[in-house]
């Protein structure tokens, strides 16, 4: 099973869509709220160089935004 981390904010529609997709596929993930977690926000910026969310890290492969097809590919679905 892939190690999945998502960097999100509570008001981000695409973040919610990404998390719902992962839940629907029974894929465990770690969620970091970058609106309230400064350390996670800095970690996200180091990985992407930007503040856009969601940022999805699948075993070190970084995806900015929610692209269902690309995420399925990264997850091997």
C-alpha atoms as a PDB file:
ATOM      1  CA  UNK A   1       0.000   0.000   0.000  1.00  0.00           C
ATOM      2  CA  UNK A   2       1.277   3.448  -0.918  1.00  0.00           C
ATOM      3  CA  UNK A   3       2.229   5.995   1.709  1.00  0.00           C
ATOM      4  CA  UNK A   4      -0.107   8.945   1.023  1.00  0.00           C
ATOM      5  CA  UNK A   5       0.051  12.404   2.581  1.00  0.00           C
ATOM      6  CA  UNK A   6      -2.284  15.248   1.674  1.00  0.00           C
ATOM      7  CA  UNK A   7      -1.672  18.892   2.536  1.00  0.00           C
ATOM      8  CA  UNK A   8      -4.986  20.729   2.609  1.00  0.00           C
ATOM      9  CA  UNK A   9      -7.084  23.521   4.052  1.00  0.00           C
ATOM     10  CA  UNK A  10     -10.580  23.200   5.545  1.00  0.00           C
ATOM     11  CA  UNK A  11     -12.193  25.455   2.922  1.00  0.00           C
ATOM     12  CA  UNK A  12     -10.590  23.915  -0.188  1.00  0.00           C
ATOM     13  CA  UNK A  13     -13.177  22.134  -2.363  1.00  0.00           C
ATOM     14  CA  UNK A  14     -10.524  20.187  -4.295  1.00  0.00           C
ATOM     15  CA  UNK A  15      -8.935  19.055  -1.027  1.00  0.00           C
ATOM     16  CA  UNK A  16     -12.298  17.651   0.061  1.00  0.00           C
ATOM     17  CA  UNK A  17     -12.730  15.929  -3.298  1.00  0.00           C
ATOM     18  CA  UNK A  18      -9.268  14.355  -3.059  1.00  0.00           C
ATOM     19  CA  UNK A  19      -9.879  13.090   0.473  1.00  0.00           C
ATOM     20  CA  UNK A  20     -13.304  11.686  -0.469  1.00  0.00           C
ATOM     21  CA  UNK A  21     -11.739   9.903  -3.436  1.00  0.00           C
ATOM     22  CA  UNK A  22      -9.057   8.328  -1.226  1.00  0.00           C
ATOM     23  CA  UNK A  23     -11.681   7.274   1.332  1.00  0.00           C
ATOM     24  CA  UNK A  24     -13.866   5.759  -1.416  1.00  0.00           C
ATOM     25  CA  UNK A  25     -10.921   3.594  -2.498  1.00  0.00           C
ATOM     26  CA  UNK A  26     -10.107   2.650   1.131  1.00  0.00           C
ATOM     27  CA  UNK A  27      -6.671   4.223   0.825  1.00  0.00           C
ATOM     28  CA  UNK A  28      -5.260   5.377   4.166  1.00  0.00           C
ATOM     29  CA  UNK A  29      -3.705   8.826   4.176  1.00  0.00           C
ATOM     30  CA  UNK A  30      -2.254  11.399   6.513  1.00  0.00           C
ATOM     31  CA  UNK A  31      -3.939  14.788   6.309  1.00  0.00           C
ATOM     32  CA  UNK A  32      -2.131  17.996   7.261  1.00  0.00           C
ATOM     33  CA  UNK A  33      -4.160  21.206   7.633  1.00  0.00           C
ATOM     34  CA  UNK A  34      -1.678  23.794   6.368  1.00  0.00           C
ATOM     35  CA  UNK A  35      -3.986  26.633   7.455  1.00  0.00           C
ATOM     36  CA  UNK A  36      -3.292  25.857  11.113  1.00  0.00           C
ATOM     37  CA  UNK A  37      -0.098  23.735  11.068  1.00  0.00           C
ATOM     38  CA  UNK A  38       2.893  25.957  10.323  1.00  0.00           C
ATOM     39  CA  UNK A  39       5.352  23.045  10.266  1.00  0.00           C
ATOM     40  CA  UNK A  40       3.254  21.169   7.695  1.00  0.00           C
ATOM     41  CA  UNK A  41       2.902  24.356   5.621  1.00  0.00           C
ATOM     42  CA  UNK A  42       6.692  24.774   5.533  1.00  0.00           C
ATOM     43  CA  UNK A  43       7.091  21.096   4.603  1.00  0.00           C
ATOM     44  CA  UNK A  44       4.603  21.555   1.735  1.00  0.00           C
ATOM     45  CA  UNK A  45       6.418  24.664   0.486  1.00  0.00           C
ATOM     46  CA  UNK A  46       9.733  22.787   0.529  1.00  0.00           C
ATOM     47  CA  UNK A  47       8.198  20.013  -1.597  1.00  0.00           C
ATOM     48  CA  UNK A  48       6.434  22.273  -4.121  1.00  0.00           C
ATOM     49  CA  UNK A  49       7.787  25.827  -3.839  1.00  0.00           C
ATOM     50  CA  UNK A  50       4.248  27.169  -3.572  1.00  0.00           C
ATOM     51  CA  UNK A  51       1.174  27.547  -1.354  1.00  0.00           C
ATOM     52  CA  UNK A  52      -1.453  25.921  -3.629  1.00  0.00           C
ATOM     53  CA  UNK A  53      -3.525  23.076  -2.178  1.00  0.00           C
ATOM     54  CA  UNK A  54      -4.157  20.253  -2.238  1.00  0.00           C
ATOM     55  CA  UNK A  55      -0.679  18.815  -2.413  1.00  0.00           C
ATOM     56  CA  UNK A  56      -0.735  15.044  -2.520  1.00  0.00           C
ATOM     57  CA  UNK A  57       2.442  13.057  -1.825  1.00  0.00           C
ATOM     58  CA  UNK A  58       2.271   9.420  -2.942  1.00  0.00           C
ATOM     59  CA  UNK A  59       5.501   7.652  -1.973  1.00  0.00           C
ATOM     60  CA  UNK A  60       7.497  10.791  -2.807  1.00  0.00           C
ATOM     61  CA  UNK A  61       5.684  11.600  -6.071  1.00  0.00           C
ATOM     62  CA  UNK A  62       4.170  15.055  -5.644  1.00  0.00           C
ATOM     63  CA  UNK A  63       0.919  16.184  -7.222  1.00  0.00           C
ATOM     64  CA  UNK A  64      -0.394  19.730  -6.847  1.00  0.00           C
ATOM     65  CA  UNK A  65      -4.148  19.957  -7.259  1.00  0.00           C
ATOM     66  CA  UNK A  66      -6.616  17.113  -7.663  1.00  0.00           C
ATOM     67  CA  UNK A  67      -6.414  15.177 -10.910  1.00  0.00           C
ATOM     68  CA  UNK A  68      -8.325  11.938 -10.399  1.00  0.00           C
ATOM     69  CA  UNK A  69      -6.736  10.133 -13.359  1.00  0.00           C
ATOM     70  CA  UNK A  70      -3.201  11.081 -12.378  1.00  0.00           C
ATOM     71  CA  UNK A  71      -3.827  10.168  -8.740  1.00  0.00           C
ATOM     72  CA  UNK A  72      -5.183   6.769  -9.793  1.00  0.00           C
ATOM     73  CA  UNK A  73      -2.013   6.224 -11.816  1.00  0.00           C
ATOM     74  CA  UNK A  74       0.224   7.180  -8.884  1.00  0.00           C
ATOM     75  CA  UNK A  75      -1.731   4.793  -6.655  1.00  0.00           C
ATOM     76  CA  UNK A  76      -1.612   1.964  -9.200  1.00  0.00           C
ATOM     77  CA  UNK A  77      -5.418   1.764  -9.469  1.00  0.00           C
END
